[in-house]
Amino acid sequence: MRRRLGLALIVCGLVVPGAYAQQPVAEEESTSGQLVAIFGDMGLGEDARAVLRLLADEAPDLVLHLGDLAYNERDPFSPLSWSRLVHDALGPDLPYLAAVGNHDIPVWPQYDRLLTTRLARTDDVRCEGDMGVDAGCVSGDLFIALSGVGTYPAARALSDHVERLGRRLASASAPWKICAWHKNQRAMQPGEKRDEVGWAAYEQCRRAGAIIVTAHEHVYARTRTLVDLPRRTVSPEAPAHDRLVVRPGSTFVVVSGLGGRSIRDQERCLPRTYPYGCNGEWASIYTSDQDARPGVLFLRLSADEDRRWGSGYFKNIDCVIVDRFTIEGR
């Protein structure tokens, strides 16, 4: 594993007041385990460079990019430009995974080669399958299912993507599981995006006890613990906004799309302050209406023979922690 800055939360330590000022994370949960950086919708501009500097400062063990890497899909050299940007900021060997985004499709074979070449430099992550489209990756106590569901290839039915996700999750023995793809269901983001993934993929991952992370909508948003995703049912056993429970049958969903491209507004589940509307499923919403800045979700996940525990925080490029929570893996 790579070096970690266990005091990063304390050094930056800024927390948005009000709804986001949550309980401190226990010391054990804030400093032990794998640190995973999760974001999508980056591009090649100055905000994207600032996001990569934030990554370098936090020193994660693994980066998970949720699609739309460079956006210049009509430029066949854009994957190389993206690769150089990442290399300059993070060095050559930090493990970096990605799910395909809709703006990546024309040049995805180039991204695939670059990502595979980068992974070959480390023994920390092992992947099987088609990178970003149908792949299963293992890193320590973590299994990540990367899917192109709703995005790519266009000819593949949603049911086929779901079936492949199910096979990946069923064969995974790691204590922690993450399902990662680019697009969303409309109800699983607070903006204007339409249904493009189908509920079966979400439910497949919930039943397996996998955390679900997506992007596509250029905002940050996180649910409470949910036990039925189509109905957005909050777990009656774990209703707290900052203490999540992940196990077969219950999970939470995150949209982490503030990688640097742009920032969109909150269209759904008004009001714009906590507690939000709809079914009360949202624990944190961070959009242009909340004066959002680009940033990254960080999950620190730990496990031993007896239990699983973790924590998460979303930090923006101004070093402000916008959202903070603990995770219990029952």
C-alpha atoms as a PDB file:
ATOM      1  CA  MET A   1       0.000   0.000   0.000  1.00  0.00           C
ATOM      2  CA  ARG A   2       1.022   3.580  -0.531  1.00  0.00           C
ATOM      3  CA  ARG A   3       1.842   6.116   2.165  1.00  0.00           C
ATOM      4  CA  ARG A   4      -1.115   7.758   3.894  1.00  0.00           C
ATOM      5  CA  LEU A   5      -1.570  11.121   5.582  1.00  0.00           C
ATOM      6  CA  GLY A   6      -3.590   9.957   8.552  1.00  0.00           C
ATOM      7  CA  LEU A   7      -3.852  13.480   9.960  1.00  0.00           C
ATOM      8  CA  ALA A   8      -5.282  14.994   6.788  1.00  0.00           C
ATOM      9  CA  LEU A   9      -8.722  15.497   8.337  1.00  0.00           C
ATOM     10  CA  ILE A  10      -7.147  17.263  11.313  1.00  0.00           C
ATOM     11  CA  VAL A  11      -4.707  19.369   9.305  1.00  0.00           C
ATOM     12  CA  CYS A  12      -7.341  20.787   6.956  1.00  0.00           C
ATOM     13  CA  GLY A  13     -10.080  20.360   9.475  1.00  0.00           C
ATOM     14  CA  LEU A  14     -12.542  22.887   8.055  1.00  0.00           C
ATOM     15  CA  VAL A  15     -16.188  21.840   8.184  1.00  0.00           C
ATOM     16  CA  VAL A  16     -19.075  23.741   6.647  1.00  0.00           C
ATOM     17  CA  PRO A  17     -21.276  24.955   9.517  1.00  0.00           C
ATOM     18  CA  GLY A  18     -24.908  23.989   9.966  1.00  0.00           C
ATOM     19  CA  ALA A  19     -26.200  20.812   8.375  1.00  0.00           C
ATOM     20  CA  TYR A  20     -22.742  19.549   7.495  1.00  0.00           C
ATOM     21  CA  ALA A  21     -21.209  19.979  10.956  1.00  0.00           C
ATOM     22  CA  GLN A  22     -21.465  16.338  11.915  1.00  0.00           C
ATOM     23  CA  GLN A  23     -19.977  14.268  14.723  1.00  0.00           C
ATOM     24  CA  PRO A  24     -16.171  13.750  14.691  1.00  0.00           C
ATOM     25  CA  VAL A  25     -14.966  10.487  13.213  1.00  0.00           C
ATOM     26  CA  ALA A  26     -13.380   8.144  15.749  1.00  0.00           C
ATOM     27  CA  GLU A  27      -9.598   8.120  15.649  1.00  0.00           C
ATOM     28  CA  GLU A  28      -9.417   4.439  14.703  1.00  0.00           C
ATOM     29  CA  GLU A  29     -11.787   4.986  11.815  1.00  0.00           C
ATOM     30  CA  SER A  30     -10.083   8.127  10.529  1.00  0.00           C
ATOM     31  CA  THR A  31      -6.538   6.775  10.312  1.00  0.00           C
ATOM     32  CA  SER A  32      -6.645   3.021   9.601  1.00  0.00           C
ATOM     33  CA  GLY A  33      -7.529   1.072   6.468  1.00  0.00           C
ATOM     34  CA  GLN A  34      -7.414   1.822   2.758  1.00  0.00           C
ATOM     35  CA  LEU A  35      -8.102   5.352   1.594  1.00  0.00           C
ATOM     36  CA  VAL A  36      -9.998   5.466  -1.725  1.00  0.00           C
ATOM     37  CA  ALA A  37     -10.515   8.706  -3.678  1.00  0.00           C
ATOM     38  CA  ILE A  38     -13.741   8.764  -5.720  1.00  0.00           C
ATOM     39  CA  PHE A  39     -14.856  11.351  -8.283  1.00  0.00           C
ATOM     40  CA  GLY A  40     -15.924  11.795 -11.899  1.00  0.00           C
ATOM     41  CA  ASP A  41     -16.420  14.425 -14.590  1.00  0.00           C
ATOM     42  CA  MET A  42     -12.927  15.900 -14.530  1.00  0.00           C
ATOM     43  CA  GLY A  43     -11.754  17.431 -17.800  1.00  0.00           C
ATOM     44  CA  LEU A  44      -8.397  19.102 -18.351  1.00  0.00           C
ATOM     45  CA  GLY A  45      -8.930  22.630 -16.982  1.00  0.00           C
ATOM     46  CA  GLU A  46      -7.594  24.457 -13.948  1.00  0.00           C
ATOM     47  CA  ASP A  47     -10.250  23.043 -11.611  1.00  0.00           C
ATOM     48  CA  ALA A  48      -9.300  19.546 -12.735  1.00  0.00           C
ATOM     49  CA  ARG A  49      -5.666  20.303 -11.928  1.00  0.00           C
ATOM     50  CA  ALA A  50      -6.736  21.563  -8.495  1.00  0.00           C
ATOM     51  CA  VAL A  51      -8.623  18.313  -7.895  1.00  0.00           C
ATOM     52  CA  LEU A  52      -5.507  16.335  -8.746  1.00  0.00           C
ATOM     53  CA  ARG A  53      -3.475  18.483  -6.334  1.00  0.00           C
ATOM     54  CA  LEU A  54      -6.031  17.674  -3.652  1.00  0.00           C
ATOM     55  CA  LEU A  55      -5.549  13.993  -4.416  1.00  0.00           C
ATOM     56  CA  ALA A  56      -1.794  14.336  -4.113  1.00  0.00           C
ATOM     57  CA  ASP A  57      -2.183  16.056  -0.730  1.00  0.00           C
ATOM     58  CA  GLU A  58      -4.528  13.368   0.625  1.00  0.00           C
ATOM     59  CA  ALA A  59      -2.284  10.519  -0.652  1.00  0.00           C
ATOM     60  CA  PRO A  60      -4.960   7.861  -1.263  1.00  0.00           C
ATOM     61  CA  ASP A  61      -4.123   4.206  -1.790  1.00  0.00           C
ATOM     62  CA  LEU A  62      -6.400   4.033  -4.811  1.00  0.00           C
ATOM     63  CA  VAL A  63      -8.184   6.415  -7.181  1.00  0.00           C
ATOM     64  CA  LEU A  64     -11.602   5.538  -8.619  1.00  0.00           C
ATOM     65  CA  HIS A  65     -12.624   7.801 -11.529  1.00  0.00           C
ATOM     66  CA  LEU A  66     -16.340   7.596 -12.354  1.00  0.00           C
ATOM     67  CA  GLY A  67     -16.182   8.455 -16.029  1.00  0.00           C
ATOM     68  CA  ASP A  68     -15.829  11.508 -18.276  1.00  0.00           C
ATOM     69  CA  LEU A  69     -12.079  11.794 -17.946  1.00  0.00           C
ATOM     70  CA  ALA A  70     -10.996  14.522 -20.394  1.00  0.00           C
ATOM     71  CA  TYR A  71     -14.154  15.445 -22.387  1.00  0.00           C
ATOM     72  CA  ASN A  72     -12.292  16.199 -25.628  1.00  0.00           C
ATOM     73  CA  GLU A  73     -13.666  13.052 -27.215  1.00  0.00           C
ATOM     74  CA  ARG A  74     -13.231  14.415 -30.750  1.00  0.00           C
ATOM     75  CA  ASP A  75      -9.517  14.808 -30.151  1.00  0.00           C
ATOM     76  CA  PRO A  76      -7.785  11.412 -30.477  1.00  0.00           C
ATOM     77  CA  PHE A  77      -4.911  12.757 -28.378  1.00  0.00           C
ATOM     78  CA  SER A  78      -7.071  13.737 -25.401  1.00  0.00           C
ATOM     79  CA  PRO A  79      -6.384  10.461 -23.526  1.00  0.00           C
ATOM     80  CA  LEU A  80      -2.650  11.197 -23.718  1.00  0.00           C
ATOM     81  CA  SER A  81      -3.244  14.726 -22.432  1.00  0.00           C
ATOM     82  CA  TRP A  82      -5.261  13.300 -19.544  1.00  0.00           C
ATOM     83  CA  SER A  83      -2.594  10.696 -18.802  1.00  0.00           C
ATOM     84  CA  ARG A  84       0.162  13.319 -18.679  1.00  0.00           C
ATOM     85  CA  LEU A  85      -1.940  15.469 -16.355  1.00  0.00           C
ATOM     86  CA  VAL A  86      -2.455  12.546 -13.963  1.00  0.00           C
ATOM     87  CA  HIS A  87       1.189  11.480 -14.194  1.00  0.00           C
ATOM     88  CA  ASP A  88       2.473  14.968 -13.395  1.00  0.00           C
ATOM     89  CA  ALA A  89       0.190  15.298 -10.360  1.00  0.00           C
ATOM     90  CA  LEU A  90       0.208  11.768  -8.941  1.00  0.00           C
ATOM     91  CA  GLY A  91       3.291  10.071 -10.321  1.00  0.00           C
ATOM     92  CA  PRO A  92       3.398   6.937 -12.471  1.00  0.00           C
ATOM     93  CA  ASP A  93       2.277   4.166 -10.127  1.00  0.00           C
ATOM     94  CA  LEU A  94      -0.650   5.243  -7.923  1.00  0.00           C
ATOM     95  CA  PRO A  95      -3.375   2.663  -8.733  1.00  0.00           C
ATOM     96  CA  TYR A  96      -6.033   4.379 -10.851  1.00  0.00           C
ATOM     97  CA  LEU A  97      -9.297   2.744 -11.928  1.00  0.00           C
ATOM     98  CA  ALA A  98     -12.021   4.225 -14.120  1.00  0.00           C
ATOM     99  CA  ALA A  99     -15.543   3.500 -15.316  1.00  0.00           C
ATOM    100  CA  VAL A 100     -16.420   4.568 -18.836  1.00  0.00           C
ATOM    101  CA  GLY A 101     -18.356   7.834 -19.195  1.00  0.00           C
ATOM    102  CA  ASN A 102     -20.476   8.946 -22.118  1.00  0.00           C
ATOM    103  CA  HIS A 103     -17.840  11.517 -23.166  1.00  0.00           C
ATOM    104  CA  ASP A 104     -15.164   8.794 -23.152  1.00  0.00           C
ATOM    105  CA  ILE A 105     -16.841   6.410 -25.583  1.00  0.00           C
ATOM    106  CA  PRO A 106     -15.130   7.417 -28.873  1.00  0.00           C
ATOM    107  CA  VAL A 107     -11.648   7.113 -27.348  1.00  0.00           C
ATOM    108  CA  TRP A 108     -12.266   4.486 -24.650  1.00  0.00           C
ATOM    109  CA  PRO A 109      -9.843   1.938 -26.198  1.00  0.00           C
ATOM    110  CA  GLN A 110      -7.020   4.478 -25.692  1.00  0.00           C
ATOM    111  CA  TYR A 111      -8.059   5.076 -22.075  1.00  0.00           C
ATOM    112  CA  ASP A 112      -8.269   1.329 -21.560  1.00  0.00           C
ATOM    113  CA  ARG A 113      -4.663   0.862 -22.706  1.00  0.00           C
ATOM    114  CA  LEU A 114      -3.381   3.751 -20.591  1.00  0.00           C
ATOM    115  CA  LEU A 115      -5.182   2.570 -17.451  1.00  0.00           C
ATOM    116  CA  THR A 116      -4.080  -1.039 -17.944  1.00  0.00           C
ATOM    117  CA  THR A 117      -0.470   0.031 -18.480  1.00  0.00           C
ATOM    118  CA  ARG A 118      -0.581   2.118 -15.319  1.00  0.00           C
ATOM    119  CA  LEU A 119      -2.007  -0.745 -13.251  1.00  0.00           C
ATOM    120  CA  ALA A 120       0.727  -3.067 -14.485  1.00  0.00           C
ATOM    121  CA  ARG A 121       3.234  -0.986 -12.485  1.00  0.00           C
ATOM    122  CA  THR A 122       1.755  -2.039  -9.126  1.00  0.00           C
ATOM    123  CA  ASP A 123       0.868  -5.270  -7.349  1.00  0.00           C
ATOM    124  CA  ASP A 124      -1.626  -3.495  -5.062  1.00  0.00           C
ATOM    125  CA  VAL A 125      -4.607  -3.976  -7.406  1.00  0.00           C
ATOM    126  CA  ARG A 126      -5.650  -7.004  -9.455  1.00  0.00           C
ATOM    127  CA  CYS A 127      -8.344  -6.652 -12.130  1.00  0.00           C
ATOM    128  CA  GLU A 128     -10.181  -9.100 -14.340  1.00  0.00           C
ATOM    129  CA  GLY A 129     -12.433  -8.275 -17.266  1.00  0.00           C
ATOM    130  CA  ASP A 130     -12.990  -5.287 -19.504  1.00  0.00           C
ATOM    131  CA  MET A 131     -11.695  -2.150 -17.760  1.00  0.00           C
ATOM    132  CA  GLY A 132     -14.439   0.373 -17.026  1.00  0.00           C
ATOM    133  CA  VAL A 133     -17.144  -1.664 -18.772  1.00  0.00           C
ATOM    134  CA  ASP A 134     -17.278  -5.055 -17.055  1.00  0.00           C
ATOM    135  CA  ALA A 135     -14.422  -5.558 -14.614  1.00  0.00           C
ATOM    136  CA  GLY A 136     -13.808  -6.756 -11.087  1.00  0.00           C
ATOM    137  CA  CYS A 137     -10.832  -5.342  -9.194  1.00  0.00           C
ATOM    138  CA  VAL A 138      -9.430  -6.368  -5.807  1.00  0.00           C
ATOM    139  CA  SER A 139      -7.270  -4.165  -3.598  1.00  0.00           C
ATOM    140  CA  GLY A 140      -6.651  -5.413  -0.066  1.00  0.00           C
ATOM    141  CA  ASP A 141     -10.017  -5.631   1.724  1.00  0.00           C
ATOM    142  CA  LEU A 142     -11.865  -3.966  -1.160  1.00  0.00           C
ATOM    143  CA  PHE A 143     -13.596  -5.315  -4.275  1.00  0.00           C
ATOM    144  CA  ILE A 144     -14.705  -2.842  -6.964  1.00  0.00           C
ATOM    145  CA  ALA A 145     -17.137  -3.748  -9.749  1.00  0.00           C
ATOM    146  CA  LEU A 146     -16.679  -1.384 -12.699  1.00  0.00           C
ATOM    147  CA  SER A 147     -19.638  -1.266 -15.078  1.00  0.00           C
ATOM    148  CA  GLY A 148     -20.662   0.512 -18.248  1.00  0.00           C
ATOM    149  CA  VAL A 149     -24.350   0.060 -17.405  1.00  0.00           C
ATOM    150  CA  GLY A 150     -26.433   2.708 -19.143  1.00  0.00           C
ATOM    151  CA  THR A 151     -23.358   4.050 -20.937  1.00  0.00           C
ATOM    152  CA  TYR A 152     -21.367   1.585 -23.036  1.00  0.00           C
ATOM    153  CA  PRO A 153     -21.536  -0.470 -25.129  1.00  0.00           C
ATOM    154  CA  ALA A 154     -24.829   0.843 -26.453  1.00  0.00           C
ATOM    155  CA  ALA A 155     -25.788  -2.510 -27.944  1.00  0.00           C
ATOM    156  CA  ARG A 156     -25.577  -4.312 -24.605  1.00  0.00           C
ATOM    157  CA  ALA A 157     -28.920  -4.576 -22.826  1.00  0.00           C
ATOM    158  CA  LEU A 158     -29.232  -3.234 -19.304  1.00  0.00           C
ATOM    159  CA  SER A 159     -30.174  -6.728 -18.165  1.00  0.00           C
ATOM    160  CA  ASP A 160     -26.886  -8.057 -19.541  1.00  0.00           C
ATOM    161  CA  HIS A 161     -24.933  -5.446 -17.572  1.00  0.00           C
ATOM    162  CA  VAL A 162     -26.890  -6.359 -14.443  1.00  0.00           C
ATOM    163  CA  GLU A 163     -26.243 -10.061 -14.917  1.00  0.00           C
ATOM    164  CA  ARG A 164     -22.511  -9.427 -15.277  1.00  0.00           C
ATOM    165  CA  LEU A 165     -22.529  -7.230 -12.183  1.00  0.00           C
ATOM    166  CA  GLY A 166     -24.232 -10.025 -10.282  1.00  0.00           C
ATOM    167  CA  ARG A 167     -21.608 -12.554 -11.315  1.00  0.00           C
ATOM    168  CA  ARG A 168     -18.783 -10.220 -10.278  1.00  0.00           C
ATOM    169  CA  LEU A 169     -20.327  -9.518  -6.883  1.00  0.00           C
ATOM    170  CA  ALA A 170     -21.198 -13.153  -6.201  1.00  0.00           C
ATOM    171  CA  SER A 171     -17.607 -14.237  -6.764  1.00  0.00           C
ATOM    172  CA  ALA A 172     -16.088 -11.473  -4.621  1.00  0.00           C
ATOM    173  CA  SER A 173     -14.799 -12.485  -1.184  1.00  0.00           C
ATOM    174  CA  ALA A 174     -13.381  -9.128  -0.057  1.00  0.00           C
ATOM    175  CA  PRO A 175     -15.008  -7.664   3.095  1.00  0.00           C
ATOM    176  CA  TRP A 176     -15.944  -4.389   1.339  1.00  0.00           C
ATOM    177  CA  LYS A 177     -17.599  -4.027  -2.071  1.00  0.00           C
ATOM    178  CA  ILE A 178     -18.147  -0.974  -4.267  1.00  0.00           C
ATOM    179  CA  CYS A 179     -20.256  -0.780  -7.436  1.00  0.00           C
ATOM    180  CA  ALA A 180     -19.028   1.995  -9.731  1.00  0.00           C
ATOM    181  CA  TRP A 181     -20.570   3.336 -12.911  1.00  0.00           C
ATOM    182  CA  HIS A 182     -21.087   6.716 -14.566  1.00  0.00           C
ATOM    183  CA  LYS A 183     -24.786   7.412 -15.208  1.00  0.00           C
ATOM    184  CA  ASN A 184     -27.823   7.469 -12.879  1.00  0.00           C
ATOM    185  CA  GLN A 185     -31.481   6.997 -12.297  1.00  0.00           C
ATOM    186  CA  ARG A 186     -33.216  10.370 -12.075  1.00  0.00           C
ATOM    187  CA  ALA A 187     -34.240   9.786  -8.455  1.00  0.00           C
ATOM    188  CA  MET A 188     -30.672   8.924  -7.485  1.00  0.00           C
ATOM    189  CA  GLN A 189     -29.305  12.417  -8.117  1.00  0.00           C
ATOM    190  CA  PRO A 190     -30.650  15.882  -7.213  1.00  0.00           C
ATOM    191  CA  GLY A 191     -30.283  17.445 -10.664  1.00  0.00           C
ATOM    192  CA  GLU A 192     -31.877  17.169 -14.084  1.00  0.00           C
ATOM    193  CA  LYS A 193     -30.532  13.842 -15.362  1.00  0.00           C
ATOM    194  CA  ARG A 194     -33.053  11.294 -16.608  1.00  0.00           C
ATOM    195  CA  ASP A 195     -33.359   7.542 -16.003  1.00  0.00           C
ATOM    196  CA  GLU A 196     -30.548   5.794 -17.866  1.00  0.00           C
ATOM    197  CA  VAL A 197     -29.355   2.890 -15.706  1.00  0.00           C
ATOM    198  CA  GLY A 198     -32.471   1.071 -14.525  1.00  0.00           C
ATOM    199  CA  TRP A 199     -33.170   0.050 -10.942  1.00  0.00           C
ATOM    200  CA  ALA A 200     -31.989  -3.543 -11.367  1.00  0.00           C
ATOM    201  CA  ALA A 201     -28.303  -2.553 -11.265  1.00  0.00           C
ATOM    202  CA  TYR A 202     -28.794  -0.503  -8.103  1.00  0.00           C
ATOM    203  CA  GLU A 203     -30.766  -3.284  -6.439  1.00  0.00           C
ATOM    204  CA  GLN A 204     -28.232  -5.927  -7.461  1.00  0.00           C
ATOM    205  CA  CYS A 205     -25.573  -4.009  -5.599  1.00  0.00           C
ATOM    206  CA  ARG A 206     -27.768  -3.265  -2.582  1.00  0.00           C
ATOM    207  CA  ARG A 207     -28.591  -6.935  -2.152  1.00  0.00           C
ATOM    208  CA  ALA A 208     -24.869  -7.719  -2.240  1.00  0.00           C
ATOM    209  CA  GLY A 209     -24.110  -5.068   0.398  1.00  0.00           C
ATOM    210  CA  ALA A 210     -22.041  -2.971  -2.016  1.00  0.00           C
ATOM    211  CA  ILE A 211     -21.613   0.804  -1.758  1.00  0.00           C
ATOM    212  CA  ILE A 212     -22.850   2.474  -4.968  1.00  0.00           C
ATOM    213  CA  VAL A 213     -20.928   5.414  -6.471  1.00  0.00           C
ATOM    214  CA  THR A 214     -21.826   7.299  -9.656  1.00  0.00           C
ATOM    215  CA  ALA A 215     -21.166  10.665 -11.338  1.00  0.00           C
ATOM    216  CA  HIS A 216     -22.643  12.185 -14.572  1.00  0.00           C
ATOM    217  CA  GLU A 217     -24.567  14.887 -12.698  1.00  0.00           C
ATOM    218  CA  HIS A 218     -21.946  17.509 -11.771  1.00  0.00           C
ATOM    219  CA  VAL A 219     -22.774  17.709  -8.077  1.00  0.00           C
ATOM    220  CA  TYR A 220     -22.028  15.895  -4.841  1.00  0.00           C
ATOM    221  CA  ALA A 221     -24.893  14.105  -3.100  1.00  0.00           C
ATOM    222  CA  ARG A 222     -25.092  11.237  -0.608  1.00  0.00           C
ATOM    223  CA  THR A 223     -28.047   9.274   0.697  1.00  0.00           C
ATOM    224  CA  ARG A 224     -28.720   7.890   4.144  1.00  0.00           C
ATOM    225  CA  THR A 225     -28.714   4.104   4.614  1.00  0.00           C
ATOM    226  CA  LEU A 226     -31.319   2.730   2.185  1.00  0.00           C
ATOM    227  CA  VAL A 227     -33.042  -0.659   2.195  1.00  0.00           C
ATOM    228  CA  ASP A 228     -35.123  -0.182  -0.993  1.00  0.00           C
ATOM    229  CA  LEU A 229     -33.659   1.987  -3.737  1.00  0.00           C
ATOM    230  CA  PRO A 230     -36.600   2.309  -6.165  1.00  0.00           C
ATOM    231  CA  ARG A 231     -38.727   3.526  -3.238  1.00  0.00           C
ATOM    232  CA  ARG A 232     -35.829   5.386  -1.581  1.00  0.00           C
ATOM    233  CA  THR A 233     -36.652   3.783   1.765  1.00  0.00           C
ATOM    234  CA  VAL A 234     -34.424   4.835   4.644  1.00  0.00           C
ATOM    235  CA  SER A 235     -33.431   1.997   6.958  1.00  0.00           C
ATOM    236  CA  PRO A 236     -35.523   2.141  10.134  1.00  0.00           C
ATOM    237  CA  GLU A 237     -32.606   0.513  11.971  1.00  0.00           C
ATOM    238  CA  ALA A 238     -30.066   3.079  10.755  1.00  0.00           C
ATOM    239  CA  PRO A 239     -31.821   6.380  10.007  1.00  0.00           C
ATOM    240  CA  ALA A 240     -28.984   8.753  11.002  1.00  0.00           C
ATOM    241  CA  HIS A 241     -27.629  11.012   8.270  1.00  0.00           C
ATOM    242  CA  ASP A 242     -24.002  10.558   9.340  1.00  0.00           C
ATOM    243  CA  ARG A 243     -23.863   6.933  10.557  1.00  0.00           C
ATOM    244  CA  LEU A 244     -24.358   4.476   7.718  1.00  0.00           C
ATOM    245  CA  VAL A 245     -24.795   0.710   7.783  1.00  0.00           C
ATOM    246  CA  VAL A 246     -23.630  -1.413   4.841  1.00  0.00           C
ATOM    247  CA  ARG A 247     -24.541  -5.086   4.710  1.00  0.00           C
ATOM    248  CA  PRO A 248     -26.435  -7.396   2.321  1.00  0.00           C
ATOM    249  CA  GLY A 249     -29.743  -5.609   1.850  1.00  0.00           C
ATOM    250  CA  SER A 250     -28.715  -2.108   2.928  1.00  0.00           C
ATOM    251  CA  THR A 251     -26.316   0.420   1.464  1.00  0.00           C
ATOM    252  CA  PHE A 252     -25.933   4.062   0.477  1.00  0.00           C
ATOM    253  CA  VAL A 253     -25.566   5.843  -2.867  1.00  0.00           C
ATOM    254  CA  VAL A 254     -23.217   8.699  -3.740  1.00  0.00           C
ATOM    255  CA  VAL A 255     -23.029  11.013  -6.736  1.00  0.00           C
ATOM    256  CA  SER A 256     -19.474  12.381  -6.863  1.00  0.00           C
ATOM    257  CA  GLY A 257     -19.368  14.436 -10.056  1.00  0.00           C
ATOM    258  CA  LEU A 258     -17.395  17.525  -9.017  1.00  0.00           C
ATOM    259  CA  GLY A 259     -14.120  16.448 -10.584  1.00  0.00           C
ATOM    260  CA  GLY A 260     -13.484  19.825 -12.195  1.00  0.00           C
ATOM    261  CA  ARG A 261     -15.543  20.104 -15.367  1.00  0.00           C
ATOM    262  CA  SER A 262     -18.464  22.224 -14.115  1.00  0.00           C
ATOM    263  CA  ILE A 263     -20.994  22.526 -11.278  1.00  0.00           C
ATOM    264  CA  ARG A 264     -24.745  22.207 -11.681  1.00  0.00           C
ATOM    265  CA  ASP A 265     -27.697  23.213  -9.532  1.00  0.00           C
ATOM    266  CA  GLN A 266     -30.184  21.371  -7.345  1.00  0.00           C
ATOM    267  CA  GLU A 267     -33.374  20.663  -9.267  1.00  0.00           C
ATOM    268  CA  ARG A 268     -34.982  18.017  -7.049  1.00  0.00           C
ATOM    269  CA  CYS A 269     -35.751  17.279  -3.408  1.00  0.00           C
ATOM    270  CA  LEU A 270     -36.043  20.907  -2.374  1.00  0.00           C
ATOM    271  CA  PRO A 271     -35.459  22.749  -0.086  1.00  0.00           C
ATOM    272  CA  ARG A 272     -31.781  23.405  -0.683  1.00  0.00           C
ATOM    273  CA  THR A 273     -30.893  23.058   2.988  1.00  0.00           C
ATOM    274  CA  TYR A 274     -30.977  20.033   5.269  1.00  0.00           C
ATOM    275  CA  PRO A 275     -33.334  18.266   5.838  1.00  0.00           C
ATOM    276  CA  TYR A 276     -34.144  17.900   2.171  1.00  0.00           C
ATOM    277  CA  GLY A 277     -37.403  16.903   0.523  1.00  0.00           C
ATOM    278  CA  CYS A 278     -38.497  13.833  -1.465  1.00  0.00           C
ATOM    279  CA  ASN A 279     -38.515  10.807   0.894  1.00  0.00           C
ATOM    280  CA  GLY A 280     -35.909  12.220   3.229  1.00  0.00           C
ATOM    281  CA  GLU A 281     -33.349   9.933   1.599  1.00  0.00           C
ATOM    282  CA  TRP A 282     -30.639  12.555   1.094  1.00  0.00           C
ATOM    283  CA  ALA A 283     -28.095  13.181   3.837  1.00  0.00           C
ATOM    284  CA  SER A 284     -25.962  15.704   1.958  1.00  0.00           C
ATOM    285  CA  ILE A 285     -26.510  17.761  -1.209  1.00  0.00           C
ATOM    286  CA  TYR A 286     -23.782  20.056  -2.521  1.00  0.00           C
ATOM    287  CA  THR A 287     -24.465  21.922  -5.786  1.00  0.00           C
ATOM    288  CA  SER A 288     -24.132  25.412  -7.227  1.00  0.00           C
ATOM    289  CA  ASP A 289     -27.087  26.350  -5.020  1.00  0.00           C
ATOM    290  CA  GLN A 290     -24.898  25.549  -2.009  1.00  0.00           C
ATOM    291  CA  ASP A 291     -21.951  27.432  -3.578  1.00  0.00           C
ATOM    292  CA  ALA A 292     -20.196  24.168  -4.329  1.00  0.00           C
ATOM    293  CA  ARG A 293     -16.566  23.897  -5.323  1.00  0.00           C
ATOM    294  CA  PRO A 294     -14.882  20.965  -7.087  1.00  0.00           C
ATOM    295  CA  GLY A 295     -13.801  18.164  -4.808  1.00  0.00           C
ATOM    296  CA  VAL A 296     -13.440  14.474  -4.066  1.00  0.00           C
ATOM    297  CA  LEU A 297     -15.136  11.843  -1.931  1.00  0.00           C
ATOM    298  CA  PHE A 298     -12.696   9.890   0.232  1.00  0.00           C
ATOM    299  CA  LEU A 299     -13.635   6.554   1.810  1.00  0.00           C
ATOM    300  CA  ARG A 300     -11.404   4.881   4.392  1.00  0.00           C
ATOM    301  CA  LEU A 301     -12.370   1.238   4.783  1.00  0.00           C
ATOM    302  CA  SER A 302     -11.027  -1.245   7.325  1.00  0.00           C
ATOM    303  CA  ALA A 303     -11.690  -4.861   8.250  1.00  0.00           C
ATOM    304  CA  ASP A 304     -10.437  -7.587  10.559  1.00  0.00           C
ATOM    305  CA  GLU A 305     -11.677 -11.060  11.419  1.00  0.00           C
ATOM    306  CA  ASP A 306     -14.453  -9.755  13.646  1.00  0.00           C
ATOM    307  CA  ARG A 307     -15.847  -6.627  12.024  1.00  0.00           C
ATOM    308  CA  ARG A 308     -15.786  -4.023   9.264  1.00  0.00           C
ATOM    309  CA  TRP A 309     -15.704  -0.291   9.845  1.00  0.00           C
ATOM    310  CA  GLY A 310     -15.082   2.818   7.806  1.00  0.00           C
ATOM    311  CA  SER A 311     -15.531   6.526   7.391  1.00  0.00           C
ATOM    312  CA  GLY A 312     -15.977   8.996   4.573  1.00  0.00           C
ATOM    313  CA  TYR A 313     -15.593  12.667   3.830  1.00  0.00           C
ATOM    314  CA  PHE A 314     -16.047  14.945   0.845  1.00  0.00           C
ATOM    315  CA  LYS A 315     -13.357  17.599   0.653  1.00  0.00           C
ATOM    316  CA  ASN A 316     -13.298  20.435  -1.849  1.00  0.00           C
ATOM    317  CA  ILE A 317     -10.289  22.124  -3.444  1.00  0.00           C
ATOM    318  CA  ASP A 318     -10.431  24.903  -0.834  1.00  0.00           C
ATOM    319  CA  CYS A 319      -9.694  22.265   1.809  1.00  0.00           C
ATOM    320  CA  VAL A 320     -13.218  22.414   3.250  1.00  0.00           C
ATOM    321  CA  ILE A 321     -14.794  19.172   4.439  1.00  0.00           C
ATOM    322  CA  VAL A 322     -18.373  19.414   3.209  1.00  0.00           C
ATOM    323  CA  ASP A 323     -19.686  16.010   4.300  1.00  0.00           C
ATOM    324  CA  ARG A 324     -18.443  13.563   6.920  1.00  0.00           C
ATOM    325  CA  PHE A 325     -19.796  10.195   8.069  1.00  0.00           C
ATOM    326  CA  THR A 326     -19.003   6.803   9.543  1.00  0.00           C
ATOM    327  CA  ILE A 327     -19.788   3.419   8.028  1.00  0.00           C
ATOM    328  CA  GLU A 328     -20.569   0.247   9.950  1.00  0.00           C
ATOM    329  CA  GLY A 329     -20.267  -2.991   8.034  1.00  0.00           C
ATOM    330  CA  ARG A 330     -22.499  -5.516   9.747  1.00  0.00           C
END
